C-alpha atoms as a PDB file:
ATOM      1  CA  MET A   1     -72.343  23.119 -76.873  1.00  0.00           C
ATOM      2  CA  ILE A   2     -74.730  19.825 -76.244  1.00  0.00           C
ATOM      3  CA  GLY A   3     -71.035  17.898 -75.993  1.00  0.00           C
ATOM      4  CA  ARG A   4     -69.879  19.945 -73.361  1.00  0.00           C
ATOM      5  CA  LEU A   5     -72.912  19.606 -70.928  1.00  0.00           C
ATOM      6  CA  ALA A   6     -72.858  16.278 -71.958  1.00  0.00           C
ATOM      7  CA  ALA A   7     -69.482  15.805 -70.553  1.00  0.00           C
ATOM      8  CA  THR A   8     -69.910  17.891 -67.486  1.00  0.00           C
ATOM      9  CA  ALA A   9     -72.709  15.719 -66.463  1.00  0.00           C
ATOM     10  CA  SER A  10     -70.603  13.079 -67.114  1.00  0.00           C
ATOM     11  CA  LEU A  11     -68.188  13.891 -64.635  1.00  0.00           C
ATOM     12  CA  THR A  12     -70.407  15.167 -61.763  1.00  0.00           C
ATOM     13  CA  ALA A  13     -72.184  11.870 -62.057  1.00  0.00           C
ATOM     14  CA  PHE A  14     -69.021   9.926 -61.561  1.00  0.00           C
ATOM     15  CA  PHE A  15     -67.750  12.260 -58.219  1.00  0.00           C
ATOM     16  CA  THR A  16     -71.107  11.754 -57.185  1.00  0.00           C
ATOM     17  CA  GLY A  17     -71.295   8.284 -57.121  1.00  0.00           C
ATOM     18  CA  VAL A  18     -67.614   7.696 -55.325  1.00  0.00           C
ATOM     19  CA  LEU A  19     -68.467  10.152 -52.402  1.00  0.00           C
ATOM     20  CA  VAL A  20     -71.959   8.299 -52.210  1.00  0.00           C
ATOM     21  CA  GLY A  21     -70.437   4.621 -52.470  1.00  0.00           C
ATOM     22  CA  GLY A  22     -67.449   5.459 -50.284  1.00  0.00           C
ATOM     23  CA  ALA A  23     -69.760   6.644 -47.061  1.00  0.00           C
ATOM     24  CA  PRO A  24     -71.011   3.064 -46.195  1.00  0.00           C
ATOM     25  CA  ASP A  25     -67.434   1.850 -46.038  1.00  0.00           C
ATOM     26  CA  ASP A  26     -66.231   4.837 -43.794  1.00  0.00           C
ATOM     27  CA  ALA A  27     -69.220   4.172 -41.560  1.00  0.00           C
ATOM     28  CA  ARG A  28     -68.957   0.070 -41.331  1.00  0.00           C
ATOM     29  CA  ALA A  29     -65.087   0.590 -40.283  1.00  0.00           C
ATOM     30  CA  GLN A  30     -66.409   3.603 -37.750  1.00  0.00           C
ATOM     31  CA  GLY A  31     -68.822   1.073 -36.554  1.00  0.00           C
ATOM     32  CA  ALA A  32     -67.103  -2.158 -36.684  1.00  0.00           C
ATOM     33  CA  PRO A  33     -65.198  -3.670 -33.551  1.00  0.00           C
ATOM     34  CA  GLN A  34     -61.707  -3.166 -33.682  1.00  0.00           C
ATOM     35  CA  PRO A  35     -59.259  -5.939 -32.720  1.00  0.00           C
ATOM     36  CA  GLN A  36     -58.042  -6.081 -29.345  1.00  0.00           C
ATOM     37  CA  PRO A  37     -54.152  -7.433 -29.194  1.00  0.00           C
ATOM     38  CA  PRO A  38     -53.792 -10.315 -27.097  1.00  0.00           C
ATOM     39  CA  PRO A  39     -52.954 -10.594 -23.696  1.00  0.00           C
ATOM     40  CA  SER A  40     -49.260 -10.598 -22.613  1.00  0.00           C
ATOM     41  CA  GLY A  41     -47.861 -13.751 -22.117  1.00  0.00           C
ATOM     42  CA  GLN A  42     -50.139 -15.438 -24.908  1.00  0.00           C
ATOM     43  CA  PRO A  43     -47.941 -16.853 -28.160  1.00  0.00           C
ATOM     44  CA  GLY A  44     -47.887 -13.655 -30.615  1.00  0.00           C
ATOM     45  CA  ALA A  45     -48.324 -11.059 -28.029  1.00  0.00           C
ATOM     46  CA  GLN A  46     -46.271  -7.813 -28.589  1.00  0.00           C
ATOM     47  CA  PRO A  47     -44.962  -5.584 -25.905  1.00  0.00           C
ATOM     48  CA  PRO A  48     -46.634  -2.466 -25.511  1.00  0.00           C
ATOM     49  CA  PRO A  49     -45.219   0.494 -27.718  1.00  0.00           C
ATOM     50  CA  PRO A  50     -43.026   2.467 -25.300  1.00  0.00           C
ATOM     51  CA  ALA A  51     -44.594   6.032 -24.101  1.00  0.00           C
ATOM     52  CA  ASP A  52     -43.901   9.110 -25.760  1.00  0.00           C
ATOM     53  CA  PRO A  53     -42.100  11.412 -23.660  1.00  0.00           C
ATOM     54  CA  TRP A  54     -42.773  14.124 -25.898  1.00  0.00           C
ATOM     55  CA  GLY A  55     -46.842  13.455 -25.695  1.00  0.00           C
ATOM     56  CA  GLY A  56     -46.723  12.824 -29.664  1.00  0.00           C
ATOM     57  CA  MET A  57     -45.343  16.044 -30.285  1.00  0.00           C
ATOM     58  CA  ASN A  58     -43.834  15.650 -33.793  1.00  0.00           C
ATOM     59  CA  ALA A  59     -43.814  16.446 -37.233  1.00  0.00           C
ATOM     60  CA  GLY A  60     -42.933  14.868 -40.561  1.00  0.00           C
ATOM     61  CA  GLY A  61     -41.442  12.017 -38.884  1.00  0.00           C
ATOM     62  CA  LEU A  62     -39.442  13.797 -36.789  1.00  0.00           C
ATOM     63  CA  LYS A  63     -39.280  14.356 -32.821  1.00  0.00           C
ATOM     64  CA  PRO A  64     -37.015  16.015 -30.356  1.00  0.00           C
ATOM     65  CA  PRO A  65     -34.825  13.390 -28.746  1.00  0.00           C
ATOM     66  CA  ALA A  66     -35.800  11.454 -25.259  1.00  0.00           C
ATOM     67  CA  PRO A  67     -34.881  13.480 -22.174  1.00  0.00           C
ATOM     68  CA  LEU A  68     -31.820  12.624 -20.236  1.00  0.00           C
ATOM     69  CA  ASP A  69     -31.932  10.115 -17.864  1.00  0.00           C
ATOM     70  CA  PRO A  70     -31.246  11.276 -14.293  1.00  0.00           C
ATOM     71  CA  ASN A  71     -29.651   7.846 -13.053  1.00  0.00           C
ATOM     72  CA  ALA A  72     -27.187   7.773 -16.112  1.00  0.00           C
ATOM     73  CA  ASN A  73     -24.084   9.004 -14.964  1.00  0.00           C
ATOM     74  CA  GLN A  74     -24.536   6.768 -11.519  1.00  0.00           C
ATOM     75  CA  PRO A  75     -23.112   3.076 -12.543  1.00  0.00           C
ATOM     76  CA  ASN A  76     -22.417   3.012  -8.730  1.00  0.00           C
ATOM     77  CA  ALA A  77     -24.979   4.092  -7.409  1.00  0.00           C
ATOM     78  CA  GLY A  78     -27.388   1.310  -4.986  1.00  0.00           C
ATOM     79  CA  PRO A  79     -28.945   1.176  -2.090  1.00  0.00           C
ATOM     80  CA  ASN A  80     -25.915   1.974   0.021  1.00  0.00           C
ATOM     81  CA  ALA A  81     -25.536   4.938  -1.826  1.00  0.00           C
ATOM     82  CA  GLY A  82     -24.832   8.407   0.196  1.00  0.00           C
ATOM     83  CA  PRO A  83     -26.734  11.750  -0.310  1.00  0.00           C
ATOM     84  CA  ASN A  84     -23.932  12.698  -2.708  1.00  0.00           C
ATOM     85  CA  ALA A  85     -24.401   9.548  -5.168  1.00  0.00           C
ATOM     86  CA  GLY A  86     -24.932  11.413  -8.942  1.00  0.00           C
ATOM     87  CA  GLN A  87     -24.005  14.544  -7.390  1.00  0.00           C
ATOM     88  CA  GLY A  88     -20.412  14.937  -8.020  1.00  0.00           C
ATOM     89  CA  GLY A  89     -19.605  12.622  -4.952  1.00  0.00           C
ATOM     90  CA  ALA A  90     -16.345  11.308  -3.871  1.00  0.00           C
ATOM     91  CA  PRO A  91     -16.012   7.516  -5.136  1.00  0.00           C
ATOM     92  CA  PRO A  92     -16.411   4.627  -2.357  1.00  0.00           C
ATOM     93  CA  GLY A  93     -13.975   4.733  -0.072  1.00  0.00           C
ATOM     94  CA  GLN A  94     -12.857   8.430  -0.177  1.00  0.00           C
ATOM     95  CA  PRO A  95     -14.464  11.377   1.923  1.00  0.00           C
ATOM     96  CA  ALA A  96     -17.101  13.220   0.087  1.00  0.00           C
ATOM     97  CA  PRO A  97     -16.298  16.854  -0.820  1.00  0.00           C
ATOM     98  CA  THR A  98     -16.790  19.357   1.966  1.00  0.00           C
ATOM     99  CA  SER A  99     -18.142  22.868   1.742  1.00  0.00           C
ATOM    100  CA  LEU A 100     -15.895  26.026   2.524  1.00  0.00           C
ATOM    101  CA  SER A 101     -17.418  26.501   6.167  1.00  0.00           C
ATOM    102  CA  GLY A 102     -16.402  22.830   6.929  1.00  0.00           C
ATOM    103  CA  GLU A 103     -13.106  23.327   5.160  1.00  0.00           C
ATOM    104  CA  LEU A 104     -12.433  25.697   7.678  1.00  0.00           C
ATOM    105  CA  ASP A 105     -13.902  23.848  10.672  1.00  0.00           C
ATOM    106  CA  GLU A 106     -11.396  21.387   9.865  1.00  0.00           C
ATOM    107  CA  SER A 107      -8.382  23.818   9.605  1.00  0.00           C
ATOM    108  CA  LYS A 108      -9.604  25.081  13.009  1.00  0.00           C
ATOM    109  CA  ALA A 109      -9.392  21.619  14.535  1.00  0.00           C
ATOM    110  CA  LYS A 110      -5.903  21.005  12.997  1.00  0.00           C
ATOM    111  CA  ASP A 111      -4.453  24.443  14.292  1.00  0.00           C
ATOM    112  CA  SER A 112      -2.721  24.834  17.408  1.00  0.00           C
ATOM    113  CA  GLY A 113      -5.482  26.728  18.731  1.00  0.00           C
ATOM    114  CA  ARG A 114      -3.626  30.291  18.810  1.00  0.00           C
ATOM    115  CA  GLY A 115      -5.399  33.191  17.886  1.00  0.00           C
ATOM    116  CA  ILE A 116      -3.979  36.211  16.829  1.00  0.00           C
ATOM    117  CA  SER A 117      -1.346  38.014  19.245  1.00  0.00           C
ATOM    118  CA  TRP A 118      -1.280  41.864  18.938  1.00  0.00           C
ATOM    119  CA  PHE A 119       1.114  41.973  21.836  1.00  0.00           C
ATOM    120  CA  TRP A 120       4.278  40.529  23.203  1.00  0.00           C
ATOM    121  CA  VAL A 121       6.970  40.613  26.076  1.00  0.00           C
ATOM    122  CA  GLU A 122      10.379  38.505  25.959  1.00  0.00           C
ATOM    123  CA  ALA A 123      12.968  37.916  28.133  1.00  0.00           C
ATOM    124  CA  GLN A 124      16.359  35.921  26.668  1.00  0.00           C
ATOM    125  CA  GLY A 125      19.738  34.633  28.459  1.00  0.00           C
ATOM    126  CA  GLY A 126      22.446  32.786  27.434  1.00  0.00           C
ATOM    127  CA  TYR A 127      26.348  33.014  26.301  1.00  0.00           C
ATOM    128  CA  GLU A 128      28.038  35.607  24.143  1.00  0.00           C
ATOM    129  CA  HIS A 129      31.484  36.146  22.831  1.00  0.00           C
ATOM    130  CA  VAL A 130      32.691  39.536  21.847  1.00  0.00           C
ATOM    131  CA  GLY A 131      35.475  41.148  20.200  1.00  0.00           C
ATOM    132  CA  LEU A 132      35.812  45.051  20.053  1.00  0.00           C
ATOM    133  CA  GLN A 133      38.281  44.942  17.224  1.00  0.00           C
ATOM    134  CA  THR A 134      37.448  41.803  15.146  1.00  0.00           C
ATOM    135  CA  PHE A 135      37.115  44.172  11.748  1.00  0.00           C
ATOM    136  CA  ASP A 136      40.091  46.636  12.768  1.00  0.00           C
ATOM    137  CA  VAL A 137      40.779  49.181  10.198  1.00  0.00           C
ATOM    138  CA  SER A 138      41.518  52.417  12.419  1.00  0.00           C
ATOM    139  CA  GLY A 139      45.293  51.521  11.606  1.00  0.00           C
ATOM    140  CA  ASP A 140      45.684  52.468  15.525  1.00  0.00           C
ATOM    141  CA  PRO A 141      48.052  50.156  17.402  1.00  0.00           C
ATOM    142  CA  GLY A 142      46.589  51.131  20.641  1.00  0.00           C
ATOM    143  CA  GLY A 143      42.709  50.936  19.729  1.00  0.00           C
ATOM    144  CA  PRO A 144      39.482  52.125  21.131  1.00  0.00           C
ATOM    145  CA  SER A 145      41.373  50.212  24.381  1.00  0.00           C
ATOM    146  CA  ALA A 146      44.342  52.230  24.336  1.00  0.00           C
ATOM    147  CA  GLY A 147      46.129  48.857  25.563  1.00  0.00           C
ATOM    148  CA  PHE A 148      43.987  49.285  28.732  1.00  0.00           C
ATOM    149  CA  PHE A 149      41.855  46.149  28.854  1.00  0.00           C
ATOM    150  CA  ASP A 150      41.709  43.058  26.520  1.00  0.00           C
ATOM    151  CA  THR A 151      39.442  43.916  23.442  1.00  0.00           C
ATOM    152  CA  THR A 152      38.260  39.835  23.578  1.00  0.00           C
ATOM    153  CA  ALA A 153      35.829  38.000  25.810  1.00  0.00           C
ATOM    154  CA  ASN A 154      33.312  35.658  26.897  1.00  0.00           C
ATOM    155  CA  GLY A 155      30.575  35.939  29.193  1.00  0.00           C
ATOM    156  CA  GLY A 156      26.965  35.898  29.924  1.00  0.00           C
ATOM    157  CA  VAL A 157      24.099  37.824  28.236  1.00  0.00           C
ATOM    158  CA  ILE A 158      20.622  38.767  29.362  1.00  0.00           C
ATOM    159  CA  SER A 159      18.134  40.873  27.300  1.00  0.00           C
ATOM    160  CA  ALA A 160      14.493  42.004  27.190  1.00  0.00           C
ATOM    161  CA  GLY A 161      12.003  43.206  24.785  1.00  0.00           C
ATOM    162  CA  LEU A 162       8.901  44.244  24.037  1.00  0.00           C
ATOM    163  CA  GLY A 163       6.185  44.907  21.649  1.00  0.00           C
ATOM    164  CA  ALA A 164       3.324  45.010  19.080  1.00  0.00           C
ATOM    165  CA  GLN A 165       2.797  41.607  16.689  1.00  0.00           C
ATOM    166  CA  ILE A 166       0.796  42.466  12.993  1.00  0.00           C
ATOM    167  CA  ILE A 167      -0.076  38.712  12.057  1.00  0.00           C
ATOM    168  CA  PHE A 168       3.761  37.671  11.139  1.00  0.00           C
ATOM    169  CA  LEU A 169       4.940  40.985  11.403  1.00  0.00           C
ATOM    170  CA  THR A 170       6.873  41.895  14.855  1.00  0.00           C
ATOM    171  CA  ILE A 171       8.004  45.413  15.818  1.00  0.00           C
ATOM    172  CA  GLY A 172       9.619  46.584  19.108  1.00  0.00           C
ATOM    173  CA  ALA A 173      12.381  47.573  21.301  1.00  0.00           C
ATOM    174  CA  ARG A 174      15.095  45.232  23.310  1.00  0.00           C
ATOM    175  CA  GLY A 175      17.754  45.793  25.347  1.00  0.00           C
ATOM    176  CA  ARG A 176      20.548  43.591  26.504  1.00  0.00           C
ATOM    177  CA  MET A 177      23.578  43.099  28.612  1.00  0.00           C
ATOM    178  CA  GLY A 178      26.647  41.560  28.344  1.00  0.00           C
ATOM    179  CA  PHE A 179      28.460  40.803  31.890  1.00  0.00           C
ATOM    180  CA  PHE A 180      32.566  40.190  31.203  1.00  0.00           C
ATOM    181  CA  SER A 181      35.629  40.163  33.276  1.00  0.00           C
ATOM    182  CA  ASP A 182      37.002  43.639  32.973  1.00  0.00           C
ATOM    183  CA  TRP A 183      33.507  45.485  31.437  1.00  0.00           C
ATOM    184  CA  GLN A 184      29.827  45.148  30.710  1.00  0.00           C
ATOM    185  CA  LEU A 185      28.828  46.040  27.261  1.00  0.00           C
ATOM    186  CA  GLY A 186      25.249  47.583  27.085  1.00  0.00           C
ATOM    187  CA  ARG A 187      22.967  47.828  23.924  1.00  0.00           C
ATOM    188  CA  VAL A 188      19.501  49.126  23.443  1.00  0.00           C
ATOM    189  CA  GLY A 189      17.885  49.695  20.335  1.00  0.00           C
ATOM    190  CA  GLY A 190      14.538  48.921  18.090  1.00  0.00           C
ATOM    191  CA  GLU A 191      14.131  45.242  16.340  1.00  0.00           C
ATOM    192  CA  VAL A 192      11.873  44.233  13.412  1.00  0.00           C
ATOM    193  CA  GLY A 193      10.863  40.592  13.491  1.00  0.00           C
ATOM    194  CA  PHE A 194       9.171  38.204  10.976  1.00  0.00           C
ATOM    195  CA  LYS A 195       7.194  34.869  12.447  1.00  0.00           C
ATOM    196  CA  ILE A 196       6.582  31.645  10.237  1.00  0.00           C
ATOM    197  CA  PRO A 197       3.771  30.418  12.487  1.00  0.00           C
ATOM    198  CA  ILE A 198       3.466  26.120  12.201  1.00  0.00           C
ATOM    199  CA  GLY A 199       1.261  24.561  14.422  1.00  0.00           C
ATOM    200  CA  ILE A 200       3.221  24.948  17.734  1.00  0.00           C
ATOM    201  CA  VAL A 201       6.245  25.568  16.104  1.00  0.00           C
ATOM    202  CA  GLU A 202       7.251  29.137  14.699  1.00  0.00           C
ATOM    203  CA  PRO A 203      10.583  29.947  13.306  1.00  0.00           C
ATOM    204  CA  ARG A 204      11.446  33.315  13.780  1.00  0.00           C
ATOM    205  CA  PHE A 205      14.064  36.053  12.032  1.00  0.00           C
ATOM    206  CA  ASP A 206      14.534  39.464  13.605  1.00  0.00           C
ATOM    207  CA  VAL A 207      16.910  42.286  12.692  1.00  0.00           C
ATOM    208  CA  GLY A 208      17.881  45.644  14.625  1.00  0.00           C
ATOM    209  CA  ALA A 209      19.876  48.517  15.453  1.00  0.00           C
ATOM    210  CA  GLY A 210      20.380  51.205  18.268  1.00  0.00           C
ATOM    211  CA  TYR A 211      23.051  52.512  20.839  1.00  0.00           C
ATOM    212  CA  ALA A 212      25.917  50.584  22.313  1.00  0.00           C
ATOM    213  CA  ALA A 213      28.484  51.662  25.015  1.00  0.00           C
ATOM    214  CA  LEU A 214      31.175  49.782  27.362  1.00  0.00           C
ATOM    215  CA  ALA A 215      30.595  50.585  31.322  1.00  0.00           C
ATOM    216  CA  ASN A 216      31.877  49.537  34.381  1.00  0.00           C
ATOM    217  CA  PHE A 217      35.196  49.353  33.493  1.00  0.00           C
ATOM    218  CA  ASP A 218      37.299  47.099  36.613  1.00  0.00           C
ATOM    219  CA  ASP A 219      39.535  49.336  38.937  1.00  0.00           C
ATOM    220  CA  ASP A 220      42.914  49.144  36.102  1.00  0.00           C
ATOM    221  CA  VAL A 221      40.822  51.174  33.946  1.00  0.00           C
ATOM    222  CA  PRO A 222      40.777  55.023  34.242  1.00  0.00           C
ATOM    223  CA  GLU A 223      37.365  56.085  34.592  1.00  0.00           C
ATOM    224  CA  GLN A 224      37.862  58.975  32.032  1.00  0.00           C
ATOM    225  CA  ILE A 225      38.211  56.276  29.245  1.00  0.00           C
ATOM    226  CA  GLY A 226      34.883  55.263  27.583  1.00  0.00           C
ATOM    227  CA  LEU A 227      33.558  54.011  24.644  1.00  0.00           C
ATOM    228  CA  ASN A 228      30.073  54.314  22.934  1.00  0.00           C
ATOM    229  CA  GLY A 229      28.829  53.823  19.147  1.00  0.00           C
ATOM    230  CA  PHE A 230      26.041  51.647  17.712  1.00  0.00           C
ATOM    231  CA  TYR A 231      25.386  47.910  16.617  1.00  0.00           C
ATOM    232  CA  VAL A 232      23.389  46.315  14.001  1.00  0.00           C
ATOM    233  CA  ARG A 233      21.904  42.572  14.559  1.00  0.00           C
ATOM    234  CA  ALA A 234      20.359  39.921  12.542  1.00  0.00           C
ATOM    235  CA  GLY A 235      19.155  36.605  14.377  1.00  0.00           C
ATOM    236  CA  ALA A 236      17.171  33.819  13.544  1.00  0.00           C
ATOM    237  CA  GLY A 237      15.672  31.126  16.098  1.00  0.00           C
ATOM    238  CA  VAL A 238      12.529  29.123  16.637  1.00  0.00           C
ATOM    239  CA  ASP A 239       9.700  28.887  19.228  1.00  0.00           C
ATOM    240  CA  PHE A 240       7.430  26.407  20.744  1.00  0.00           C
ATOM    241  CA  TYR A 241       4.235  27.126  21.918  1.00  0.00           C
ATOM    242  CA  PRO A 242       2.878  24.923  24.595  1.00  0.00           C
ATOM    243  CA  VAL A 243      -0.050  26.165  25.515  1.00  0.00           C
ATOM    244  CA  GLU A 244      -1.623  29.263  23.632  1.00  0.00           C
ATOM    245  CA  VAL A 245       0.184  32.620  25.104  1.00  0.00           C
ATOM    246  CA  LEU A 246       3.719  31.098  25.944  1.00  0.00           C
ATOM    247  CA  ALA A 247       6.438  30.703  23.779  1.00  0.00           C
ATOM    248  CA  ILE A 248       9.604  28.993  24.660  1.00  0.00           C
ATOM    249  CA  GLY A 249      12.894  28.560  22.484  1.00  0.00           C
ATOM    250  CA  ILE A 250      16.197  29.426  21.229  1.00  0.00           C
ATOM    251  CA  VAL A 251      17.849  31.964  18.829  1.00  0.00           C
ATOM    252  CA  ALA A 252      21.225  33.061  17.757  1.00  0.00           C
ATOM    253  CA  THR A 253      22.005  36.494  16.613  1.00  0.00           C
ATOM    254  CA  PHE A 254      25.265  38.238  15.386  1.00  0.00           C
ATOM    255  CA  ASP A 255      26.120  41.777  16.175  1.00  0.00           C
ATOM    256  CA  ALA A 256      27.986  44.022  14.070  1.00  0.00           C
ATOM    257  CA  LEU A 257      29.743  47.449  16.765  1.00  0.00           C
ATOM    258  CA  GLY A 258      31.282  50.574  16.189  1.00  0.00           C
ATOM    259  CA  LEU A 259      32.648  51.759  19.349  1.00  0.00           C
ATOM    260  CA  SER A 260      34.623  55.307  19.484  1.00  0.00           C
ATOM    261  CA  ARG A 261      36.665  56.914  22.043  1.00  0.00           C
ATOM    262  CA  SER A 262      37.060  60.578  22.569  1.00  0.00           C
ATOM    263  CA  GLY A 263      40.483  62.263  22.823  1.00  0.00           C
ATOM    264  CA  LEU A 264      41.442  63.058  26.498  1.00  0.00           C
ATOM    265  CA  THR A 265      41.855  66.620  27.166  1.00  0.00           C
ATOM    266  CA  SER A 266      45.562  67.728  28.988  1.00  0.00           C
ATOM    267  CA  GLU A 267      43.624  67.725  32.353  1.00  0.00           C
ATOM    268  CA  GLU A 268      42.528  64.374  31.919  1.00  0.00           C
ATOM    269  CA  LEU A 269      45.512  62.734  30.533  1.00  0.00           C
ATOM    270  CA  ALA A 270      47.205  64.221  33.855  1.00  0.00           C
ATOM    271  CA  ALA A 271      44.439  63.081  36.298  1.00  0.00           C
ATOM    272  CA  VAL A 272      45.095  59.216  34.534  1.00  0.00           C
ATOM    273  CA  ARG A 273      48.425  59.452  34.947  1.00  0.00           C
ATOM    274  CA  LYS A 274      48.683  60.336  39.074  1.00  0.00           C
ATOM    275  CA  SER A 275      45.822  57.623  39.121  1.00  0.00           C
ATOM    276  CA  ARG A 276      48.064  55.249  37.319  1.00  0.00           C
ATOM    277  CA  PRO A 277      51.791  56.038  37.528  1.00  0.00           C
ATOM    278  CA  GLU A 278      52.595  52.839  35.563  1.00  0.00           C
ATOM    279  CA  THR A 279      50.581  54.636  32.370  1.00  0.00           C
ATOM    280  CA  THR A 280      53.397  54.588  29.564  1.00  0.00           C
ATOM    281  CA  ASP A 281      54.207  57.073  27.131  1.00  0.00           C
ATOM    282  CA  ALA A 282      52.622  55.278  24.393  1.00  0.00           C
ATOM    283  CA  GLU A 283      49.362  54.790  26.416  1.00  0.00           C
ATOM    284  CA  ALA A 284      49.258  57.924  27.429  1.00  0.00           C
ATOM    285  CA  ALA A 285      49.877  59.195  23.611  1.00  0.00           C
ATOM    286  CA  SER A 286      47.314  56.956  22.247  1.00  0.00           C
ATOM    287  CA  LEU A 287      44.462  58.757  24.919  1.00  0.00           C
ATOM    288  CA  THR A 288      45.401  62.139  23.351  1.00  0.00           C
ATOM    289  CA  HIS A 289      43.505  61.371  20.169  1.00  0.00           C
ATOM    290  CA  ASP A 290      39.947  59.681  19.063  1.00  0.00           C
ATOM    291  CA  SER A 291      39.925  56.229  18.179  1.00  0.00           C
ATOM    292  CA  THR A 292      37.259  53.834  16.950  1.00  0.00           C
ATOM    293  CA  GLY A 293      36.911  50.546  16.496  1.00  0.00           C
ATOM    294  CA  TYR A 294      34.520  47.917  14.834  1.00  0.00           C
ATOM    295  CA  GLY A 295      33.962  44.178  16.405  1.00  0.00           C
ATOM    296  CA  ALA A 296      31.208  41.603  16.346  1.00  0.00           C
ATOM    297  CA  THR A 297      29.563  39.534  18.703  1.00  0.00           C
ATOM    298  CA  PHE A 298      28.075  36.217  18.544  1.00  0.00           C
ATOM    299  CA  ALA A 299      25.084  34.778  21.223  1.00  0.00           C
ATOM    300  CA  LEU A 300      23.059  32.207  21.858  1.00  0.00           C
ATOM    301  CA  GLN A 301      20.489  32.560  24.007  1.00  0.00           C
ATOM    302  CA  GLY A 302      17.097  30.707  25.560  1.00  0.00           C
ATOM    303  CA  THR A 303      14.137  32.765  25.355  1.00  0.00           C
ATOM    304  CA  VAL A 304      10.736  32.856  27.217  1.00  0.00           C
ATOM    305  CA  GLY A 305       7.816  35.279  25.848  1.00  0.00           C
ATOM    306  CA  LEU A 306       4.329  35.938  26.234  1.00  0.00           C
ATOM    307  CA  HIS A 307       2.046  36.811  23.754  1.00  0.00           C
ATOM    308  CA  PHE A 308      -1.033  38.695  23.917  1.00  0.00           C
END
């Protein structure tokens, strides 16, 4: 028991001496002046340590990476760098990217200045070739003409149309009249077109169909003879816009025709023989029954149109 007390007293005295003896050294260390680093530029001077961007926030020797330099990706930025430098701007010598509104403004500047058209009026005139029996499938030697007039002709043609336009699509009606030596060929019907605006140039494609008839025969053709039927048309051309609403162009069209003639009654045939005594028996026989001919036309016309 006495030995244990002696050992405890010895340990207590040891720790007391350590604590009491170390305190003066700490006090002297705290009161002593701290060594100052030599001024910059003198021998032995060391540069000051870099500033800690995180304010000393580290633990266990680990610390977060330094923040990125916002100018790190601007090797070409300099005193003459524009406002787009460092923000994905274009390389030197190239125009900087524009916003969507800027691109729209540029497109307007490059456009021909034409706005959207809703209505159109058009007049055409030119040359037309007609063959009323281009596709002869009836087997009738006289054909729809019954031998009273030529079925092939060349002459002038005029036409006019009007309608509406929805963006690239046109819808309207058109009438056309061809003038030939023995007769006239009239057509009227609807059409649908497609246009491709390319600045002031506008390629066009049209299709149409309607009613067709021969009229105004010369004096050698009996008035009892009449032909009518249908046509189907396809056309292509190009328009030029010198101003916003005016179009000047050229168009080529191809028409397929189907024209029929009704057979004459005995009274009508007698009237024909009376007005034309030279009518042969073959011609008279051809006039007594129906006949159909399938032909074609080709026309090349100039165009003038107004678009509103």
